[in-house]
N, C-alpha and C. Protein backbone atom coordinates (compact mmCIF):
# COMPACT_ATOMS: atom_id res chain seq x y z
N MET A 1 21.15 -7.81 5.20
CA MET A 1 21.01 -9.25 5.03
C MET A 1 19.53 -9.63 4.92
N LYS A 2 18.71 -9.04 5.83
CA LYS A 2 17.29 -9.36 5.82
C LYS A 2 16.65 -8.95 4.49
N ASN A 3 17.04 -7.77 3.98
CA ASN A 3 16.50 -7.32 2.70
C ASN A 3 16.92 -8.25 1.58
N THR A 4 18.14 -8.76 1.64
CA THR A 4 18.63 -9.67 0.62
C THR A 4 17.82 -10.97 0.64
N LEU A 5 17.55 -11.49 1.83
CA LEU A 5 16.76 -12.71 1.94
C LEU A 5 15.33 -12.48 1.45
N PHE A 6 14.75 -11.34 1.82
CA PHE A 6 13.40 -11.03 1.37
C PHE A 6 13.37 -10.91 -0.15
N ALA A 7 14.35 -10.22 -0.71
CA ALA A 7 14.41 -10.07 -2.16
C ALA A 7 14.58 -11.41 -2.85
N ALA A 8 15.35 -12.29 -2.25
CA ALA A 8 15.55 -13.61 -2.84
C ALA A 8 14.26 -14.43 -2.82
N ALA A 9 13.40 -14.17 -1.85
CA ALA A 9 12.15 -14.91 -1.74
C ALA A 9 11.07 -14.37 -2.67
N LEU A 10 11.31 -13.22 -3.24
CA LEU A 10 10.30 -12.61 -4.10
C LEU A 10 10.54 -12.94 -5.56
N VAL A 11 9.47 -13.13 -6.26
CA VAL A 11 9.50 -13.28 -7.70
C VAL A 11 8.78 -12.06 -8.25
N PHE A 12 9.49 -11.25 -9.01
CA PHE A 12 8.87 -10.02 -9.50
C PHE A 12 7.92 -10.35 -10.64
N VAL A 13 6.83 -9.66 -10.63
CA VAL A 13 5.76 -9.88 -11.59
C VAL A 13 5.26 -8.54 -12.11
N SER A 14 4.48 -8.61 -13.17
CA SER A 14 3.95 -7.38 -13.75
C SER A 14 2.46 -7.25 -13.49
N VAL A 15 1.97 -6.03 -13.57
CA VAL A 15 0.56 -5.76 -13.33
C VAL A 15 -0.14 -5.47 -14.65
N CYS A 16 -1.29 -6.02 -14.82
CA CYS A 16 -2.11 -5.75 -15.99
C CYS A 16 -3.13 -4.68 -15.63
N ALA A 17 -3.21 -3.62 -16.42
CA ALA A 17 -4.10 -2.51 -16.11
C ALA A 17 -5.49 -2.68 -16.70
N ALA A 18 -5.81 -3.82 -17.24
CA ALA A 18 -7.11 -4.02 -17.89
C ALA A 18 -8.27 -3.90 -16.92
N SER A 19 -8.09 -4.27 -15.68
CA SER A 19 -9.17 -4.22 -14.70
C SER A 19 -8.58 -3.88 -13.35
N ALA A 20 -9.32 -3.17 -12.54
CA ALA A 20 -8.84 -2.77 -11.23
C ALA A 20 -8.61 -3.98 -10.32
N LYS A 21 -9.33 -5.06 -10.56
CA LYS A 21 -9.22 -6.23 -9.68
C LYS A 21 -8.61 -7.44 -10.37
N GLN A 22 -8.02 -7.25 -11.52
CA GLN A 22 -7.36 -8.35 -12.22
C GLN A 22 -5.91 -7.97 -12.47
N TYR A 23 -5.01 -8.87 -12.14
CA TYR A 23 -3.58 -8.61 -12.26
C TYR A 23 -2.92 -9.73 -13.04
N THR A 24 -1.81 -9.44 -13.66
CA THR A 24 -1.04 -10.45 -14.36
C THR A 24 0.25 -10.69 -13.60
N ILE A 25 0.51 -11.96 -13.30
CA ILE A 25 1.75 -12.33 -12.63
C ILE A 25 2.47 -13.36 -13.48
N THR A 26 3.77 -13.41 -13.31
CA THR A 26 4.58 -14.42 -13.98
C THR A 26 5.33 -15.21 -12.92
N LEU A 27 5.12 -16.52 -12.91
CA LEU A 27 5.82 -17.40 -11.97
C LEU A 27 7.02 -17.98 -12.70
N VAL A 28 8.18 -17.86 -12.11
CA VAL A 28 9.39 -18.36 -12.77
C VAL A 28 9.64 -19.84 -12.51
N LYS A 29 8.90 -20.41 -11.55
CA LYS A 29 9.01 -21.84 -11.30
C LYS A 29 7.66 -22.33 -10.78
N PRO A 30 7.40 -23.63 -10.83
CA PRO A 30 6.13 -24.16 -10.35
C PRO A 30 5.94 -23.87 -8.86
N VAL A 31 4.69 -23.61 -8.46
CA VAL A 31 4.37 -23.36 -7.06
C VAL A 31 3.08 -24.08 -6.68
N GLU A 32 2.92 -24.29 -5.38
CA GLU A 32 1.69 -24.84 -4.84
C GLU A 32 0.94 -23.71 -4.15
N VAL A 33 -0.36 -23.62 -4.43
CA VAL A 33 -1.23 -22.64 -3.79
C VAL A 33 -2.36 -23.43 -3.16
N GLY A 34 -2.29 -23.65 -1.86
CA GLY A 34 -3.25 -24.56 -1.23
C GLY A 34 -3.05 -25.94 -1.81
N SER A 35 -4.11 -26.53 -2.35
CA SER A 35 -4.00 -27.86 -2.96
C SER A 35 -3.79 -27.78 -4.47
N VAL A 36 -3.68 -26.56 -5.00
CA VAL A 36 -3.51 -26.35 -6.44
C VAL A 36 -2.03 -26.23 -6.78
N LYS A 37 -1.63 -26.87 -7.87
CA LYS A 37 -0.26 -26.75 -8.36
C LYS A 37 -0.28 -25.93 -9.64
N LEU A 38 0.50 -24.85 -9.65
CA LEU A 38 0.59 -23.99 -10.83
C LEU A 38 1.96 -24.17 -11.47
N ALA A 39 1.98 -24.39 -12.77
CA ALA A 39 3.24 -24.49 -13.50
C ALA A 39 3.84 -23.11 -13.66
N ALA A 40 5.11 -23.06 -13.97
CA ALA A 40 5.74 -21.77 -14.26
C ALA A 40 5.04 -21.16 -15.46
N GLY A 41 4.90 -19.85 -15.46
CA GLY A 41 4.25 -19.17 -16.57
C GLY A 41 3.49 -17.95 -16.13
N GLU A 42 2.74 -17.40 -17.07
CA GLU A 42 1.98 -16.19 -16.83
C GLU A 42 0.54 -16.52 -16.47
N TYR A 43 0.01 -15.82 -15.47
CA TYR A 43 -1.36 -16.03 -15.01
C TYR A 43 -2.04 -14.68 -14.78
N LYS A 44 -3.33 -14.63 -15.06
CA LYS A 44 -4.15 -13.52 -14.62
C LYS A 44 -4.73 -13.94 -13.28
N VAL A 45 -4.70 -13.03 -12.31
CA VAL A 45 -5.21 -13.32 -10.97
C VAL A 45 -6.36 -12.37 -10.68
N LYS A 46 -7.46 -12.95 -10.22
CA LYS A 46 -8.62 -12.16 -9.87
C LYS A 46 -9.14 -12.65 -8.52
N LEU A 47 -9.48 -11.74 -7.65
CA LEU A 47 -10.04 -12.10 -6.36
C LEU A 47 -11.55 -12.20 -6.48
N ASP A 48 -12.11 -13.27 -5.91
CA ASP A 48 -13.55 -13.48 -5.93
C ASP A 48 -13.95 -13.98 -4.55
N GLY A 49 -14.37 -13.06 -3.70
CA GLY A 49 -14.72 -13.43 -2.33
C GLY A 49 -13.52 -13.97 -1.59
N ALA A 50 -13.63 -15.20 -1.09
CA ALA A 50 -12.54 -15.83 -0.33
C ALA A 50 -11.64 -16.68 -1.21
N ASN A 51 -11.65 -16.43 -2.52
CA ASN A 51 -10.84 -17.21 -3.45
C ASN A 51 -10.03 -16.32 -4.38
N ALA A 52 -8.89 -16.84 -4.79
CA ALA A 52 -8.12 -16.23 -5.87
C ALA A 52 -8.25 -17.16 -7.06
N ILE A 53 -8.58 -16.57 -8.21
CA ILE A 53 -8.75 -17.37 -9.42
C ILE A 53 -7.59 -17.04 -10.36
N PHE A 54 -6.83 -18.08 -10.70
CA PHE A 54 -5.67 -17.96 -11.59
C PHE A 54 -6.09 -18.49 -12.96
N THR A 55 -5.85 -17.72 -14.01
CA THR A 55 -6.16 -18.15 -15.37
C THR A 55 -4.87 -18.13 -16.18
N ASP A 56 -4.53 -19.27 -16.80
CA ASP A 56 -3.30 -19.33 -17.58
C ASP A 56 -3.56 -18.89 -19.02
N ARG A 57 -2.52 -18.91 -19.85
CA ARG A 57 -2.64 -18.46 -21.24
C ARG A 57 -3.56 -19.33 -22.07
N LYS A 58 -3.77 -20.58 -21.63
CA LYS A 58 -4.67 -21.49 -22.34
C LYS A 58 -6.11 -21.35 -21.85
N LYS A 59 -6.36 -20.35 -21.01
CA LYS A 59 -7.69 -20.06 -20.44
C LYS A 59 -8.16 -21.09 -19.43
N GLN A 60 -7.24 -21.94 -18.92
CA GLN A 60 -7.58 -22.86 -17.84
C GLN A 60 -7.60 -22.07 -16.54
N THR A 61 -8.57 -22.35 -15.68
CA THR A 61 -8.64 -21.63 -14.41
C THR A 61 -8.34 -22.56 -13.24
N PHE A 62 -7.73 -21.99 -12.22
CA PHE A 62 -7.37 -22.70 -11.00
C PHE A 62 -7.81 -21.82 -9.85
N THR A 63 -8.54 -22.38 -8.90
CA THR A 63 -9.05 -21.61 -7.78
C THR A 63 -8.41 -22.07 -6.49
N ALA A 64 -7.98 -21.09 -5.67
CA ALA A 64 -7.36 -21.40 -4.39
C ALA A 64 -7.93 -20.46 -3.33
N PRO A 65 -8.15 -20.98 -2.11
CA PRO A 65 -8.63 -20.10 -1.04
C PRO A 65 -7.59 -19.02 -0.74
N ALA A 66 -8.07 -17.81 -0.50
CA ALA A 66 -7.17 -16.69 -0.22
C ALA A 66 -7.89 -15.69 0.67
N LYS A 67 -7.11 -14.87 1.33
CA LYS A 67 -7.67 -13.77 2.11
C LYS A 67 -6.81 -12.54 1.84
N THR A 68 -7.36 -11.39 2.13
CA THR A 68 -6.60 -10.17 1.95
C THR A 68 -6.22 -9.62 3.32
N GLU A 69 -5.09 -8.94 3.34
CA GLU A 69 -4.59 -8.33 4.56
C GLU A 69 -4.22 -6.89 4.23
N LYS A 70 -4.75 -5.95 4.98
CA LYS A 70 -4.48 -4.53 4.78
C LYS A 70 -2.99 -4.27 5.02
N VAL A 71 -2.39 -3.40 4.21
CA VAL A 71 -1.00 -2.99 4.41
C VAL A 71 -0.99 -1.51 4.80
N VAL A 72 0.07 -1.08 5.48
CA VAL A 72 0.16 0.28 5.99
C VAL A 72 0.13 1.30 4.87
N LYS A 73 0.93 1.06 3.82
CA LYS A 73 0.90 1.97 2.68
C LYS A 73 0.90 1.15 1.39
N LYS A 74 0.46 1.77 0.33
CA LYS A 74 0.35 1.06 -0.94
C LYS A 74 1.70 0.49 -1.37
N VAL A 75 1.65 -0.68 -1.95
CA VAL A 75 2.84 -1.40 -2.36
C VAL A 75 3.39 -0.77 -3.65
N PRO A 76 4.72 -0.50 -3.72
CA PRO A 76 5.29 0.15 -4.90
C PRO A 76 5.48 -0.75 -6.12
N PHE A 77 5.41 -2.07 -5.93
CA PHE A 77 5.59 -3.00 -7.05
C PHE A 77 4.88 -4.31 -6.72
N THR A 78 4.59 -5.08 -7.73
CA THR A 78 3.95 -6.37 -7.53
C THR A 78 5.03 -7.43 -7.32
N ALA A 79 4.81 -8.27 -6.32
CA ALA A 79 5.80 -9.32 -6.02
C ALA A 79 5.08 -10.53 -5.43
N VAL A 80 5.65 -11.69 -5.68
CA VAL A 80 5.13 -12.94 -5.15
C VAL A 80 6.12 -13.44 -4.10
N GLU A 81 5.61 -13.77 -2.92
CA GLU A 81 6.48 -14.32 -1.87
C GLU A 81 6.25 -15.82 -1.80
N THR A 82 7.32 -16.57 -1.95
CA THR A 82 7.24 -18.03 -1.92
C THR A 82 8.13 -18.58 -0.82
N LYS A 83 7.91 -19.84 -0.52
CA LYS A 83 8.74 -20.53 0.47
C LYS A 83 9.01 -21.93 -0.05
N ASP A 84 10.28 -22.32 -0.02
CA ASP A 84 10.63 -23.69 -0.42
C ASP A 84 10.23 -24.63 0.70
N VAL A 85 9.47 -25.66 0.34
CA VAL A 85 9.04 -26.68 1.28
C VAL A 85 9.43 -28.03 0.71
N GLU A 86 9.35 -29.04 1.54
CA GLU A 86 9.70 -30.38 1.07
C GLU A 86 8.83 -30.75 -0.13
N GLY A 87 9.47 -31.05 -1.22
CA GLY A 87 8.76 -31.45 -2.41
C GLY A 87 8.33 -30.33 -3.34
N GLY A 88 8.69 -29.08 -3.04
CA GLY A 88 8.30 -28.02 -3.95
C GLY A 88 8.40 -26.62 -3.36
N THR A 89 7.64 -25.72 -3.94
CA THR A 89 7.63 -24.33 -3.52
C THR A 89 6.19 -23.92 -3.26
N LYS A 90 5.96 -23.26 -2.12
CA LYS A 90 4.62 -22.83 -1.73
C LYS A 90 4.48 -21.33 -1.94
N LEU A 91 3.36 -20.92 -2.51
CA LEU A 91 3.06 -19.50 -2.66
C LEU A 91 2.45 -19.01 -1.36
N ASN A 92 3.11 -18.04 -0.70
CA ASN A 92 2.62 -17.51 0.57
C ASN A 92 1.74 -16.29 0.39
N SER A 93 2.16 -15.36 -0.49
CA SER A 93 1.39 -14.13 -0.66
C SER A 93 1.75 -13.45 -1.97
N ILE A 94 0.87 -12.51 -2.36
CA ILE A 94 1.12 -11.67 -3.53
C ILE A 94 0.90 -10.22 -3.09
N ASP A 95 1.92 -9.38 -3.28
CA ASP A 95 1.80 -7.94 -3.09
C ASP A 95 1.44 -7.35 -4.44
N LEU A 96 0.41 -6.51 -4.47
CA LEU A 96 -0.08 -5.96 -5.73
C LEU A 96 0.23 -4.48 -5.83
N GLU A 97 0.92 -4.10 -6.89
CA GLU A 97 1.33 -2.70 -7.08
C GLU A 97 0.12 -1.77 -6.98
N GLY A 98 0.26 -0.76 -6.13
CA GLY A 98 -0.78 0.25 -5.99
C GLY A 98 -1.93 -0.14 -5.08
N ALA A 99 -1.97 -1.38 -4.61
CA ALA A 99 -3.07 -1.82 -3.75
C ALA A 99 -2.75 -1.53 -2.29
N ASP A 100 -3.79 -1.37 -1.48
CA ASP A 100 -3.60 -1.15 -0.05
C ASP A 100 -3.80 -2.46 0.72
N PHE A 101 -3.63 -3.57 0.02
CA PHE A 101 -3.77 -4.89 0.64
C PHE A 101 -2.82 -5.86 -0.06
N LYS A 102 -2.60 -7.00 0.59
CA LYS A 102 -1.86 -8.09 -0.05
C LYS A 102 -2.74 -9.34 0.03
N VAL A 103 -2.47 -10.28 -0.84
CA VAL A 103 -3.24 -11.53 -0.90
C VAL A 103 -2.44 -12.60 -0.16
N ILE A 104 -3.06 -13.24 0.81
CA ILE A 104 -2.41 -14.26 1.63
C ILE A 104 -3.01 -15.63 1.31
N PHE A 105 -2.13 -16.63 1.16
CA PHE A 105 -2.58 -18.01 0.90
C PHE A 105 -2.23 -18.92 2.07
């Protein structure tokens, strides 16, 4: 049951191999990341210090505060963990395939 709930909370995304620190994610519905609202769609995500920078297909960038948290073993796939909140959906974290950390918002 717990695995089913966890899987339901995840939105599977793909990884872009163009850069070691840049990833491509696809959001299937709009989400809030801090005070930033991201529409559904594909984004490139890059970490820059204490921020995550999201770039959409139109080259618009959105910056949100983020931190990284070490994980015990490398993540086997990229996934976005969200939580439904009053008035929308909040992005909680991103697990990045092959990384030894996750991004927390």
